[in-house]
Amino acid sequence: MASQIDLLAHPKPNLLKFPDRRSSEWVVSGAALNACPSQRICSLALPRVPAEGWQLDRPLLVPHIPEFVFLRSVMTDDRFHCLADSQWSVAVQTVRASPRICQLAQPKRMKMMLNSFSAESSGHTVTVPTVTPSARLLHLASPKQVHPQHALDRPVSWPIPNHILKTSASERLRLLARPKTRQALFEAYDPYSISPAARAATASPRLLELSLPLPRKCKT
């Protein structure tokens, strides 16, 4: 009987139905070469018919009507007709912008806070109508009053009174100003040493009572 190691050492069986085809050329049988597709396969192979009303995508180079009107105003007649004949239909070539489209094509007017300003590039002055603020707006725009007890920031350098310069620290103040003294560590220091007072100490009755285990945890 083979051991478990021998069974694991064997390669896995090939569960594929067809043998491995190492060559890029596959052998095609004669039945596959002489086979004829059914009517169902021929119907599925036909291209899909477009839906009714479907149109091709509009080319990106064709401008909209406002752009068309702009090109017609800046280009010469010969160049415009040459470009129009290659891209636009007759209806688009003869279109005229309505007054509403001309109104929407105008740039928006900017709201200026100043009464008037001069445009150096254009050489003309544009006047903006003045607006009078209300009393409530003027009241809210006024700055807040400073509190009577408000004290300004203390300057960095200020004079020191003479009584402070001549004062002397008390004994209590000197004691509090000293740093906290700590036990210095030296070479012969043993942190595990027990003092004689701790060795001769005896526990109080209360301490002995607290050190006893709980009665419910004691085995009878």
Protein backbone atom coordinates (compact mmCIF):
# COMPACT_ATOMS: atom_id res chain seq x y z
CA MET A 1 0.00 0.00 0.00
CA ALA A 2 1.39 3.39 -1.04
CA SER A 3 2.05 5.83 1.69
CA GLN A 4 0.58 9.32 1.91
CA ILE A 5 3.85 10.87 0.75
CA ASP A 6 3.87 8.71 -2.39
CA LEU A 7 0.28 9.71 -3.20
CA LEU A 8 1.07 13.39 -2.79
CA ALA A 9 4.18 13.03 -4.97
CA HIS A 10 2.17 11.93 -8.02
CA PRO A 11 1.11 14.70 -10.45
CA LYS A 12 -2.52 15.67 -10.66
CA PRO A 13 -4.53 13.87 -13.34
CA ASN A 14 -5.49 15.80 -16.47
CA LEU A 15 -9.24 16.30 -16.23
CA LEU A 16 -9.55 18.03 -19.61
CA LYS A 17 -11.55 16.22 -22.26
CA PHE A 18 -9.25 17.30 -25.07
CA PRO A 19 -5.47 16.82 -25.09
CA ASP A 20 -3.17 19.80 -24.87
CA ARG A 21 -2.66 21.51 -28.21
CA ARG A 22 0.88 22.78 -28.14
CA SER A 23 0.87 23.87 -31.78
CA SER A 24 -0.81 27.06 -32.98
CA GLU A 25 -2.33 25.14 -35.93
CA TRP A 26 -5.45 23.26 -34.99
CA VAL A 27 -6.60 20.34 -37.01
CA VAL A 28 -10.11 20.95 -38.36
CA SER A 29 -12.17 17.93 -39.21
CA GLY A 30 -13.77 17.41 -42.61
CA ALA A 31 -17.27 17.59 -41.15
CA ALA A 32 -16.55 21.07 -39.80
CA LEU A 33 -15.22 22.18 -43.19
CA ASN A 34 -18.29 20.93 -45.05
CA ALA A 35 -20.85 22.11 -42.47
CA CYS A 36 -23.57 24.57 -43.53
CA PRO A 37 -25.03 27.12 -41.07
CA SER A 38 -28.70 26.86 -40.22
CA GLN A 39 -31.26 29.56 -40.90
CA ARG A 40 -31.17 30.60 -37.24
CA ILE A 41 -27.42 31.18 -37.33
CA CYS A 42 -27.75 33.14 -40.56
CA SER A 43 -30.45 35.35 -39.01
CA LEU A 44 -28.28 36.00 -35.96
CA ALA A 45 -25.31 36.88 -38.17
CA LEU A 46 -27.19 39.68 -39.91
CA PRO A 47 -26.36 43.23 -38.73
CA ARG A 48 -28.84 44.97 -36.48
CA VAL A 49 -31.31 47.26 -38.24
CA PRO A 50 -31.30 50.83 -36.85
CA ALA A 51 -34.44 52.02 -35.13
CA GLU A 52 -36.88 54.28 -36.92
CA GLY A 53 -35.88 57.92 -36.58
CA TRP A 54 -32.25 57.18 -35.73
CA GLN A 55 -29.73 59.75 -36.98
CA LEU A 56 -25.98 59.82 -37.17
CA ASP A 57 -23.94 61.78 -34.65
CA ARG A 58 -23.55 65.44 -35.48
CA PRO A 59 -19.96 66.28 -36.51
CA LEU A 60 -17.99 68.41 -34.10
CA LEU A 61 -16.86 70.89 -36.77
CA VAL A 62 -20.38 72.12 -37.56
CA PRO A 63 -21.02 75.31 -35.51
CA HIS A 64 -24.33 76.37 -34.01
CA ILE A 65 -26.53 79.13 -35.40
CA PRO A 66 -24.96 81.99 -33.35
CA GLU A 67 -21.51 80.88 -34.50
CA PHE A 68 -22.81 80.70 -38.05
CA VAL A 69 -24.04 84.30 -37.87
CA PHE A 70 -20.71 85.41 -36.42
CA LEU A 71 -18.71 83.70 -39.18
CA ARG A 72 -20.91 85.26 -41.81
CA SER A 73 -20.22 88.73 -40.40
CA VAL A 74 -16.42 88.38 -40.20
CA MET A 75 -15.64 86.30 -43.31
CA THR A 76 -15.67 87.36 -46.93
CA ASP A 77 -18.44 86.19 -49.25
CA ASP A 78 -16.26 83.88 -51.35
CA ARG A 79 -14.63 82.23 -48.38
CA PHE A 80 -17.91 81.97 -46.49
CA HIS A 81 -19.78 80.35 -49.40
CA CYS A 82 -16.90 77.93 -49.94
CA LEU A 83 -17.06 76.89 -46.29
CA ALA A 84 -20.86 76.83 -46.19
CA ASP A 85 -21.23 74.66 -49.30
CA SER A 86 -19.02 71.98 -47.74
CA GLN A 87 -20.66 71.81 -44.30
CA TRP A 88 -24.10 73.42 -44.07
CA SER A 89 -27.40 72.98 -45.78
CA VAL A 90 -29.30 75.67 -47.69
CA ALA A 91 -31.64 76.28 -44.74
CA VAL A 92 -28.73 76.97 -42.43
CA GLN A 93 -27.01 79.23 -44.97
CA THR A 94 -30.08 81.46 -45.32
CA VAL A 95 -30.90 81.66 -41.61
CA ARG A 96 -31.27 85.04 -39.93
CA ALA A 97 -30.96 85.65 -36.22
CA SER A 98 -34.14 86.84 -34.53
CA PRO A 99 -34.17 89.93 -32.26
CA ARG A 100 -34.45 87.63 -29.25
CA ILE A 101 -31.28 85.73 -30.21
CA CYS A 102 -29.47 89.02 -30.78
CA GLN A 103 -30.60 90.18 -27.34
CA LEU A 104 -29.37 86.97 -25.69
CA ALA A 105 -26.06 87.23 -27.54
CA GLN A 106 -25.26 90.53 -25.83
CA PRO A 107 -22.77 90.25 -22.92
CA LYS A 108 -24.08 90.70 -19.39
CA ARG A 109 -23.59 94.07 -17.74
CA MET A 110 -21.41 93.97 -14.66
CA LYS A 111 -22.72 95.64 -11.52
CA MET A 112 -20.15 98.18 -10.38
CA MET A 113 -20.06 99.70 -6.89
CA LEU A 114 -18.33 102.88 -8.04
CA ASN A 115 -20.22 105.81 -9.48
CA SER A 116 -18.15 105.93 -12.63
CA PHE A 117 -14.97 104.46 -14.02
CA SER A 118 -12.89 105.12 -17.10
CA ALA A 119 -11.73 102.39 -19.44
CA GLU A 120 -8.29 103.29 -20.74
CA SER A 121 -8.35 100.61 -23.41
CA SER A 122 -11.65 101.72 -24.96
CA GLY A 123 -11.22 105.43 -24.23
CA HIS A 124 -14.75 106.09 -22.92
CA THR A 125 -16.37 106.52 -19.50
CA VAL A 126 -19.23 104.36 -18.25
CA THR A 127 -21.54 105.87 -15.64
CA VAL A 128 -23.29 103.65 -13.12
CA PRO A 129 -26.39 104.93 -11.30
CA THR A 130 -25.78 105.83 -7.66
CA VAL A 131 -27.48 103.91 -4.88
CA THR A 132 -28.33 105.53 -1.53
CA PRO A 133 -28.02 103.16 1.46
CA SER A 134 -30.81 103.00 4.00
CA ALA A 135 -30.56 104.24 7.59
CA ARG A 136 -30.50 100.66 8.90
CA LEU A 137 -27.60 99.78 6.62
CA LEU A 138 -25.65 102.83 7.76
CA HIS A 139 -26.32 101.92 11.39
CA LEU A 140 -25.03 98.39 10.85
CA ALA A 141 -21.98 99.68 8.99
CA SER A 142 -20.88 101.94 11.85
CA PRO A 143 -18.08 100.45 14.00
CA LYS A 144 -18.76 99.29 17.53
CA GLN A 145 -17.85 101.57 20.40
CA VAL A 146 -15.05 100.59 22.74
CA HIS A 147 -16.05 99.56 26.27
CA PRO A 148 -15.15 102.17 28.93
CA GLN A 149 -13.14 99.62 30.94
CA HIS A 150 -11.31 98.28 27.92
CA ALA A 151 -7.54 98.26 28.42
CA LEU A 152 -5.14 98.23 25.53
CA ASP A 153 -2.36 95.68 25.20
CA ARG A 154 0.46 96.25 27.66
CA PRO A 155 3.68 97.35 25.95
CA VAL A 156 6.67 95.06 25.94
CA SER A 157 8.86 97.52 27.86
CA TRP A 158 7.32 99.43 30.76
CA PRO A 159 8.79 101.23 33.78
CA ILE A 160 9.12 99.30 37.06
CA PRO A 161 8.16 101.14 40.27
CA ASN A 162 10.84 101.86 42.87
CA HIS A 163 9.13 99.91 45.67
CA ILE A 164 9.32 96.75 43.55
CA LEU A 165 13.00 97.31 42.83
CA LYS A 166 13.76 97.75 46.56
CA THR A 167 11.65 94.85 47.84
CA SER A 168 13.21 91.66 49.25
CA ALA A 169 11.88 88.10 49.19
CA SER A 170 10.57 86.63 52.44
CA GLU A 171 11.83 83.42 54.00
CA ARG A 172 8.70 81.55 52.90
CA LEU A 173 9.11 82.74 49.34
CA ARG A 174 12.72 81.60 49.29
CA LEU A 175 11.68 78.21 50.62
CA LEU A 176 9.08 77.80 47.89
CA ALA A 177 11.57 78.92 45.24
CA ARG A 178 13.97 76.08 46.03
CA PRO A 179 13.80 73.04 43.74
CA LYS A 180 12.52 69.76 45.11
CA THR A 181 15.28 67.66 46.63
CA ARG A 182 15.50 64.09 45.48
CA GLN A 183 17.55 61.17 46.73
CA ALA A 184 20.73 61.00 44.73
CA LEU A 185 21.77 57.73 43.16
CA PHE A 186 25.29 56.63 43.88
CA GLU A 187 27.30 53.52 43.19
CA ALA A 188 26.52 51.77 46.51
CA TYR A 189 22.77 52.42 46.30
CA ASP A 190 20.67 49.23 46.61
CA PRO A 191 17.01 49.68 45.65
CA TYR A 192 16.08 46.30 47.19
CA SER A 193 17.42 47.00 50.67
CA ILE A 194 14.90 47.07 53.54
CA SER A 195 15.31 49.58 56.31
CA PRO A 196 15.54 48.39 60.00
CA ALA A 197 12.35 50.28 60.84
CA ALA A 198 10.43 48.29 58.23
CA ARG A 199 11.83 45.04 59.61
CA ALA A 200 10.72 45.79 63.19
CA ALA A 201 7.27 47.09 62.21
CA THR A 202 4.14 45.23 63.32
CA ALA A 203 0.81 45.21 61.50
CA SER A 204 -2.20 46.82 63.14
CA PRO A 205 -5.40 44.82 63.87
CA ARG A 206 -7.18 46.59 61.00
CA LEU A 207 -4.41 45.70 58.57
CA LEU A 208 -4.54 42.07 59.71
CA GLU A 209 -8.31 42.06 59.21
CA LEU A 210 -8.00 43.41 55.67
CA SER A 211 -5.30 40.89 54.78
CA LEU A 212 -7.54 37.89 55.58
CA PRO A 213 -9.24 36.23 52.55
CA LEU A 214 -12.97 36.45 52.08
CA PRO A 215 -14.96 33.78 53.94
CA ARG A 216 -16.86 32.71 50.81
CA LYS A 217 -13.56 31.87 49.11
CA CYS A 218 -12.25 29.77 51.99
CA LYS A 219 -12.71 26.01 51.80
CA THR A 220 -14.33 24.41 54.83
